[in-house]
Amino acid sequence: MDLSSLDTATNTAVMEVRHPVTGEPLLTDDDLPITITLLSSDSDEYETAMHDAQRSAARAAAQTDGIADPAGTTRRAIAVLVRCIVGWENIIVDGEELPYSRSNAGTLLTKVRFIREQVSKFVANRANYLEDSKGES
């Protein structure tokens, strides 16, 4: 087996946003799927974002005599996930379609926590990025 066939570092995958209770795929009022396109946790972008978050955490710890800042930890986690989002379709917040941008991704993941949780789980699951695992060839 060629191990490079299992490398997900450059793959993207489309995540269907799901209802936080029922797990059903969410649709717009026009029955369009709500989706987010994501890089995997194996991507260079994710690794760089993690390094940035670790440096930020170390600086924060040095400034607070090692006292943890839970809000800072959450902000850093969101920043990592934002860097994995490369696009989306049909994201509507407060009655308006939200165009994709890194800034808007940060807003979305901060405001809609269940999406943050879904993105985190999806990015970490390599099976989402492997063609054979998605039922494709």
N, C-alpha and C. Protein backbone atom coordinates (compact mmCIF):
# COMPACT_ATOMS: atom_id res chain seq x y z
N MET A 1 0.84 -1.18 0.00
CA MET A 1 0.00 0.00 0.00
C MET A 1 0.89 1.23 0.00
N ASP A 2 0.50 2.19 -0.81
CA ASP A 2 1.19 3.48 -0.86
C ASP A 2 0.61 4.36 0.24
N LEU A 3 1.42 4.63 1.26
CA LEU A 3 0.95 5.40 2.41
C LEU A 3 0.55 6.82 2.04
N SER A 4 1.10 7.35 0.96
CA SER A 4 0.72 8.71 0.57
C SER A 4 -0.75 8.79 0.17
N SER A 5 -1.36 7.66 -0.13
CA SER A 5 -2.79 7.67 -0.48
C SER A 5 -3.65 7.97 0.75
N LEU A 6 -3.05 7.91 1.93
CA LEU A 6 -3.78 8.20 3.17
C LEU A 6 -3.43 9.58 3.73
N ASP A 7 -2.68 10.36 2.98
CA ASP A 7 -2.29 11.70 3.42
C ASP A 7 -3.44 12.67 3.18
N THR A 8 -3.92 13.29 4.24
CA THR A 8 -5.04 14.22 4.12
C THR A 8 -4.61 15.69 4.24
N ALA A 9 -3.31 15.93 4.20
CA ALA A 9 -2.79 17.28 4.45
C ALA A 9 -3.28 18.32 3.45
N THR A 10 -3.52 17.94 2.21
CA THR A 10 -3.93 18.94 1.21
C THR A 10 -5.40 18.80 0.82
N ASN A 11 -6.11 17.89 1.44
CA ASN A 11 -7.51 17.67 1.10
C ASN A 11 -8.42 18.66 1.81
N THR A 12 -9.51 19.01 1.15
CA THR A 12 -10.60 19.72 1.79
C THR A 12 -11.81 18.80 1.75
N ALA A 13 -12.75 19.08 2.62
CA ALA A 13 -13.99 18.31 2.64
C ALA A 13 -15.13 19.25 3.00
N VAL A 14 -16.31 18.92 2.54
CA VAL A 14 -17.49 19.73 2.80
C VAL A 14 -18.28 19.09 3.94
N MET A 15 -18.50 19.88 4.97
CA MET A 15 -19.28 19.43 6.13
C MET A 15 -20.70 19.99 6.01
N GLU A 16 -21.69 19.12 6.12
CA GLU A 16 -23.06 19.58 6.22
C GLU A 16 -23.31 20.01 7.66
N VAL A 17 -23.80 21.22 7.84
CA VAL A 17 -24.14 21.67 9.18
C VAL A 17 -25.41 20.94 9.60
N ARG A 18 -25.38 20.41 10.82
CA ARG A 18 -26.49 19.60 11.31
C ARG A 18 -27.17 20.23 12.51
N HIS A 19 -28.44 19.92 12.64
CA HIS A 19 -29.22 20.40 13.79
C HIS A 19 -28.55 19.89 15.06
N PRO A 20 -28.39 20.75 16.07
CA PRO A 20 -27.64 20.34 17.26
C PRO A 20 -28.34 19.29 18.12
N VAL A 21 -29.62 19.07 17.92
CA VAL A 21 -30.34 18.07 18.71
C VAL A 21 -30.68 16.84 17.88
N THR A 22 -31.27 17.06 16.70
CA THR A 22 -31.73 15.93 15.90
C THR A 22 -30.64 15.32 15.02
N GLY A 23 -29.62 16.11 14.72
CA GLY A 23 -28.57 15.63 13.83
C GLY A 23 -28.93 15.68 12.36
N GLU A 24 -30.12 16.17 12.06
CA GLU A 24 -30.54 16.27 10.66
C GLU A 24 -29.77 17.40 9.96
N PRO A 25 -29.43 17.21 8.68
CA PRO A 25 -28.77 18.30 7.94
C PRO A 25 -29.68 19.54 7.91
N LEU A 26 -29.08 20.70 8.15
CA LEU A 26 -29.84 21.94 8.12
C LEU A 26 -29.93 22.46 6.69
N LEU A 27 -31.10 23.02 6.38
CA LEU A 27 -31.36 23.57 5.05
C LEU A 27 -31.85 25.00 5.19
N THR A 28 -31.65 25.78 4.14
CA THR A 28 -32.20 27.12 4.09
C THR A 28 -33.70 27.02 3.86
N ASP A 29 -34.38 28.16 3.88
CA ASP A 29 -35.81 28.18 3.58
C ASP A 29 -36.09 27.72 2.15
N ASP A 30 -35.08 27.80 1.29
CA ASP A 30 -35.19 27.35 -0.11
C ASP A 30 -34.71 25.92 -0.28
N ASP A 31 -34.55 25.19 0.81
CA ASP A 31 -34.10 23.79 0.81
C ASP A 31 -32.69 23.60 0.27
N LEU A 32 -31.83 24.59 0.44
CA LEU A 32 -30.43 24.47 0.06
C LEU A 32 -29.63 24.02 1.28
N PRO A 33 -28.67 23.12 1.09
CA PRO A 33 -27.88 22.66 2.23
C PRO A 33 -26.97 23.76 2.77
N ILE A 34 -26.80 23.76 4.07
CA ILE A 34 -25.88 24.69 4.73
C ILE A 34 -24.59 23.92 4.94
N THR A 35 -23.52 24.38 4.29
CA THR A 35 -22.27 23.63 4.30
C THR A 35 -21.08 24.53 4.60
N ILE A 36 -20.02 23.90 5.12
CA ILE A 36 -18.76 24.58 5.38
C ILE A 36 -17.64 23.72 4.79
N THR A 37 -16.75 24.32 4.02
CA THR A 37 -15.61 23.61 3.43
C THR A 37 -14.41 23.78 4.34
N LEU A 38 -13.79 22.65 4.68
CA LEU A 38 -12.76 22.64 5.72
C LEU A 38 -11.49 21.92 5.30
N LEU A 39 -10.37 22.43 5.81
CA LEU A 39 -9.09 21.73 5.74
C LEU A 39 -9.03 20.74 6.90
N SER A 40 -8.21 19.73 6.77
CA SER A 40 -8.08 18.74 7.84
C SER A 40 -7.06 19.19 8.88
N SER A 41 -7.07 18.48 9.99
CA SER A 41 -6.09 18.76 11.05
C SER A 41 -4.68 18.33 10.63
N ASP A 42 -4.56 17.69 9.48
CA ASP A 42 -3.25 17.34 8.94
C ASP A 42 -2.68 18.43 8.03
N SER A 43 -3.45 19.46 7.78
CA SER A 43 -3.02 20.50 6.84
C SER A 43 -1.93 21.38 7.44
N ASP A 44 -1.12 21.95 6.57
CA ASP A 44 -0.10 22.89 7.02
C ASP A 44 -0.74 24.09 7.72
N GLU A 45 -1.87 24.53 7.22
CA GLU A 45 -2.56 25.68 7.80
C GLU A 45 -2.96 25.39 9.26
N TYR A 46 -3.49 24.19 9.50
CA TYR A 46 -3.87 23.81 10.86
C TYR A 46 -2.63 23.77 11.76
N GLU A 47 -1.56 23.16 11.26
CA GLU A 47 -0.34 23.05 12.07
C GLU A 47 0.22 24.43 12.41
N THR A 48 0.22 25.32 11.43
CA THR A 48 0.70 26.69 11.68
C THR A 48 -0.20 27.39 12.69
N ALA A 49 -1.49 27.22 12.55
CA ALA A 49 -2.44 27.84 13.49
C ALA A 49 -2.24 27.30 14.90
N MET A 50 -1.98 26.01 15.02
CA MET A 50 -1.72 25.42 16.34
C MET A 50 -0.44 25.99 16.95
N HIS A 51 0.60 26.13 16.14
CA HIS A 51 1.85 26.72 16.63
C HIS A 51 1.62 28.15 17.09
N ASP A 52 0.85 28.91 16.31
CA ASP A 52 0.53 30.29 16.70
C ASP A 52 -0.23 30.32 18.02
N ALA A 53 -1.19 29.41 18.18
CA ALA A 53 -1.98 29.35 19.40
C ALA A 53 -1.11 28.97 20.60
N GLN A 54 -0.18 28.05 20.40
CA GLN A 54 0.71 27.65 21.48
C GLN A 54 1.63 28.78 21.90
N ARG A 55 2.14 29.53 20.91
CA ARG A 55 2.98 30.69 21.24
C ARG A 55 2.18 31.74 22.00
N SER A 56 0.94 31.96 21.56
CA SER A 56 0.07 32.93 22.23
C SER A 56 -0.23 32.49 23.66
N ALA A 57 -0.47 31.21 23.86
CA ALA A 57 -0.74 30.69 25.20
C ALA A 57 0.48 30.85 26.10
N ALA A 58 1.65 30.60 25.55
CA ALA A 58 2.88 30.74 26.33
C ALA A 58 3.10 32.19 26.73
N ARG A 59 2.87 33.13 25.80
CA ARG A 59 3.00 34.55 26.12
C ARG A 59 2.01 34.95 27.20
N ALA A 60 0.77 34.48 27.07
CA ALA A 60 -0.26 34.82 28.07
C ALA A 60 0.10 34.27 29.43
N ALA A 61 0.60 33.05 29.47
CA ALA A 61 0.98 32.43 30.74
C ALA A 61 2.13 33.20 31.38
N ALA A 62 3.07 33.66 30.57
CA ALA A 62 4.21 34.41 31.10
C ALA A 62 3.75 35.74 31.69
N GLN A 63 2.71 36.33 31.12
CA GLN A 63 2.22 37.63 31.59
C GLN A 63 1.33 37.50 32.82
N THR A 64 0.84 36.30 33.09
CA THR A 64 -0.09 36.12 34.22
C THR A 64 0.46 35.16 35.26
N ASP A 65 1.78 35.03 35.29
CA ASP A 65 2.42 34.12 36.25
C ASP A 65 1.85 32.70 36.18
N GLY A 66 1.53 32.26 34.96
CA GLY A 66 1.07 30.89 34.75
C GLY A 66 -0.40 30.65 35.07
N ILE A 67 -1.15 31.70 35.40
CA ILE A 67 -2.57 31.54 35.70
C ILE A 67 -3.33 31.39 34.38
N ALA A 68 -4.11 30.33 34.28
CA ALA A 68 -4.84 30.03 33.05
C ALA A 68 -5.95 31.05 32.81
N ASP A 69 -6.19 31.35 31.55
CA ASP A 69 -7.27 32.25 31.13
C ASP A 69 -8.21 31.46 30.22
N PRO A 70 -9.31 30.93 30.77
CA PRO A 70 -10.21 30.12 29.94
C PRO A 70 -10.74 30.86 28.71
N ALA A 71 -11.02 32.14 28.83
CA ALA A 71 -11.52 32.90 27.68
C ALA A 71 -10.45 32.96 26.59
N GLY A 72 -9.20 33.12 27.00
CA GLY A 72 -8.11 33.13 26.03
C GLY A 72 -7.96 31.78 25.34
N THR A 73 -8.14 30.72 26.10
CA THR A 73 -8.07 29.38 25.53
C THR A 73 -9.14 29.20 24.47
N THR A 74 -10.35 29.66 24.76
CA THR A 74 -11.45 29.57 23.79
C THR A 74 -11.14 30.39 22.55
N ARG A 75 -10.64 31.60 22.73
CA ARG A 75 -10.29 32.45 21.57
C ARG A 75 -9.24 31.79 20.70
N ARG A 76 -8.24 31.18 21.33
CA ARG A 76 -7.19 30.52 20.54
C ARG A 76 -7.75 29.31 19.79
N ALA A 77 -8.63 28.55 20.42
CA ALA A 77 -9.24 27.38 19.75
C ALA A 77 -10.06 27.83 18.55
N ILE A 78 -10.80 28.91 18.72
CA ILE A 78 -11.59 29.44 17.60
C ILE A 78 -10.66 29.89 16.48
N ALA A 79 -9.58 30.56 16.82
CA ALA A 79 -8.63 31.04 15.81
C ALA A 79 -8.06 29.88 14.98
N VAL A 80 -7.80 28.76 15.63
CA VAL A 80 -7.30 27.59 14.91
C VAL A 80 -8.36 27.08 13.94
N LEU A 81 -9.59 26.96 14.40
CA LEU A 81 -10.66 26.45 13.54
C LEU A 81 -10.95 27.40 12.38
N VAL A 82 -10.88 28.70 12.64
CA VAL A 82 -11.11 29.69 11.58
C VAL A 82 -10.14 29.45 10.43
N ARG A 83 -8.92 29.13 10.73
CA ARG A 83 -7.90 28.93 9.70
C ARG A 83 -8.17 27.66 8.88
N CYS A 84 -9.01 26.76 9.39
CA CYS A 84 -9.36 25.54 8.65
C CYS A 84 -10.56 25.76 7.73
N ILE A 85 -11.31 26.82 7.96
CA ILE A 85 -12.47 27.10 7.11
C ILE A 85 -11.99 27.82 5.86
N VAL A 86 -12.30 27.23 4.70
CA VAL A 86 -11.89 27.84 3.44
C VAL A 86 -13.07 28.31 2.59
N GLY A 87 -14.27 28.11 3.08
CA GLY A 87 -15.45 28.58 2.37
C GLY A 87 -16.71 28.00 2.99
N TRP A 88 -17.84 28.51 2.53
CA TRP A 88 -19.12 27.96 2.98
C TRP A 88 -20.22 28.36 2.02
N GLU A 89 -21.35 27.70 2.20
CA GLU A 89 -22.53 27.98 1.39
C GLU A 89 -23.74 28.12 2.31
N ASN A 90 -24.52 29.15 2.04
CA ASN A 90 -25.85 29.32 2.64
C ASN A 90 -25.83 29.52 4.15
N ILE A 91 -24.83 30.23 4.65
CA ILE A 91 -24.78 30.55 6.08
C ILE A 91 -25.60 31.82 6.28
N ILE A 92 -26.64 31.72 7.07
CA ILE A 92 -27.51 32.85 7.34
C ILE A 92 -27.51 33.08 8.86
N VAL A 93 -27.17 34.31 9.24
CA VAL A 93 -27.12 34.68 10.65
C VAL A 93 -27.89 35.99 10.81
N ASP A 94 -28.78 36.03 11.78
CA ASP A 94 -29.60 37.22 12.03
C ASP A 94 -30.35 37.66 10.78
N GLY A 95 -30.86 36.68 10.02
CA GLY A 95 -31.68 36.97 8.85
C GLY A 95 -30.93 37.38 7.60
N GLU A 96 -29.62 37.42 7.65
CA GLU A 96 -28.82 37.86 6.51
C GLU A 96 -27.82 36.78 6.12
N GLU A 97 -27.61 36.61 4.80
CA GLU A 97 -26.58 35.67 4.37
C GLU A 97 -25.22 36.26 4.72
N LEU A 98 -24.40 35.45 5.36
CA LEU A 98 -23.09 35.88 5.82
C LEU A 98 -22.06 35.43 4.79
N PRO A 99 -21.43 36.38 4.08
CA PRO A 99 -20.41 35.97 3.10
C PRO A 99 -19.20 35.40 3.82
N TYR A 100 -18.53 34.45 3.17
CA TYR A 100 -17.35 33.86 3.78
C TYR A 100 -16.21 34.87 3.84
N SER A 101 -15.60 34.95 4.99
CA SER A 101 -14.32 35.63 5.21
C SER A 101 -13.79 35.08 6.52
N ARG A 102 -12.52 35.23 6.76
CA ARG A 102 -11.97 34.75 8.04
C ARG A 102 -12.61 35.50 9.20
N SER A 103 -12.82 36.79 9.03
CA SER A 103 -13.46 37.57 10.09
C SER A 103 -14.86 37.05 10.38
N ASN A 104 -15.63 36.79 9.32
CA ASN A 104 -16.98 36.27 9.51
C ASN A 104 -16.96 34.85 10.07
N ALA A 105 -15.94 34.09 9.73
CA ALA A 105 -15.81 32.73 10.30
C ALA A 105 -15.60 32.83 11.80
N GLY A 106 -14.79 33.76 12.24
CA GLY A 106 -14.60 33.96 13.67
C GLY A 106 -15.89 34.35 14.37
N THR A 107 -16.63 35.24 13.72
CA THR A 107 -17.93 35.66 14.27
C THR A 107 -18.87 34.47 14.38
N LEU A 108 -18.95 33.68 13.31
CA LEU A 108 -19.83 32.51 13.28
C LEU A 108 -19.49 31.53 14.39
N LEU A 109 -18.20 31.18 14.51
CA LEU A 109 -17.81 30.18 15.51
C LEU A 109 -17.94 30.70 16.94
N THR A 110 -17.87 32.00 17.11
CA THR A 110 -18.06 32.58 18.43
C THR A 110 -19.54 32.63 18.79
N LYS A 111 -20.35 33.00 17.82
CA LYS A 111 -21.78 33.21 18.06
C LYS A 111 -22.59 31.91 18.07
N VAL A 112 -22.24 30.97 17.19
CA VAL A 112 -23.04 29.74 17.04
C VAL A 112 -22.18 28.57 17.51
N ARG A 113 -22.25 28.29 18.79
CA ARG A 113 -21.34 27.33 19.41
C ARG A 113 -21.50 25.91 18.89
N PHE A 114 -22.71 25.52 18.52
CA PHE A 114 -22.87 24.15 18.04
C PHE A 114 -22.14 23.95 16.72
N ILE A 115 -22.03 25.02 15.91
CA ILE A 115 -21.27 24.90 14.68
C ILE A 115 -19.78 24.78 15.01
N ARG A 116 -19.32 25.52 16.00
CA ARG A 116 -17.92 25.39 16.43
C ARG A 116 -17.62 23.96 16.82
N GLU A 117 -18.51 23.34 17.56
CA GLU A 117 -18.31 21.95 17.99
C GLU A 117 -18.28 21.01 16.79
N GLN A 118 -19.20 21.21 15.84
CA GLN A 118 -19.25 20.35 14.66
C GLN A 118 -17.99 20.51 13.82
N VAL A 119 -17.53 21.75 13.64
CA VAL A 119 -16.32 22.00 12.86
C VAL A 119 -15.12 21.32 13.52
N SER A 120 -15.01 21.46 14.83
CA SER A 120 -13.89 20.87 15.56
C SER A 120 -13.85 19.36 15.38
N LYS A 121 -14.98 18.72 15.53
CA LYS A 121 -15.03 17.26 15.38
C LYS A 121 -14.76 16.83 13.95
N PHE A 122 -15.29 17.57 12.99
CA PHE A 122 -15.12 17.22 11.59
C PHE A 122 -13.66 17.33 11.17
N VAL A 123 -13.02 18.43 11.53
CA VAL A 123 -11.62 18.68 11.16
C VAL A 123 -10.72 17.59 11.72
N ALA A 124 -11.01 17.11 12.91
CA ALA A 124 -10.17 16.12 13.58
C ALA A 124 -10.35 14.70 13.03
N ASN A 125 -11.40 14.46 12.27
CA ASN A 125 -11.70 13.11 11.79
C ASN A 125 -11.14 12.91 10.37
N ARG A 126 -10.01 12.22 10.28
CA ARG A 126 -9.37 12.00 8.98
C ARG A 126 -10.28 11.30 7.98
N ALA A 127 -11.17 10.49 8.46
CA ALA A 127 -12.06 9.76 7.55
C ALA A 127 -12.86 10.72 6.67
N ASN A 128 -13.12 11.92 7.15
CA ASN A 128 -13.87 12.90 6.36
C ASN A 128 -13.10 13.37 5.13
N TYR A 129 -11.80 13.14 5.11
CA TYR A 129 -10.94 13.65 4.05
C TYR A 129 -10.39 12.57 3.13
N LEU A 130 -10.71 11.33 3.41
CA LEU A 130 -10.22 10.22 2.59
C LEU A 130 -11.33 9.76 1.66
N GLU A 131 -11.03 9.72 0.39
CA GLU A 131 -12.03 9.38 -0.62
C GLU A 131 -12.73 8.05 -0.33
N ASP A 132 -11.98 7.01 -0.01
CA ASP A 132 -12.58 5.70 0.25
C ASP A 132 -13.53 5.74 1.44
N SER A 133 -13.20 6.56 2.43
CA SER A 133 -14.03 6.64 3.62
C SER A 133 -15.34 7.38 3.36
N LYS A 134 -15.36 8.21 2.32
CA LYS A 134 -16.57 8.97 2.00
C LYS A 134 -17.47 8.22 1.02
N GLY A 135 -17.10 7.00 0.69
CA GLY A 135 -17.92 6.21 -0.22
C GLY A 135 -17.69 6.56 -1.68
N GLU A 136 -16.59 7.28 -1.95
CA GLU A 136 -16.27 7.64 -3.32
C GLU A 136 -15.05 6.84 -3.77
N SER A 137 -14.79 6.86 -5.05
CA SER A 137 -13.59 6.18 -5.54
C SER A 137 -12.68 7.09 -6.28
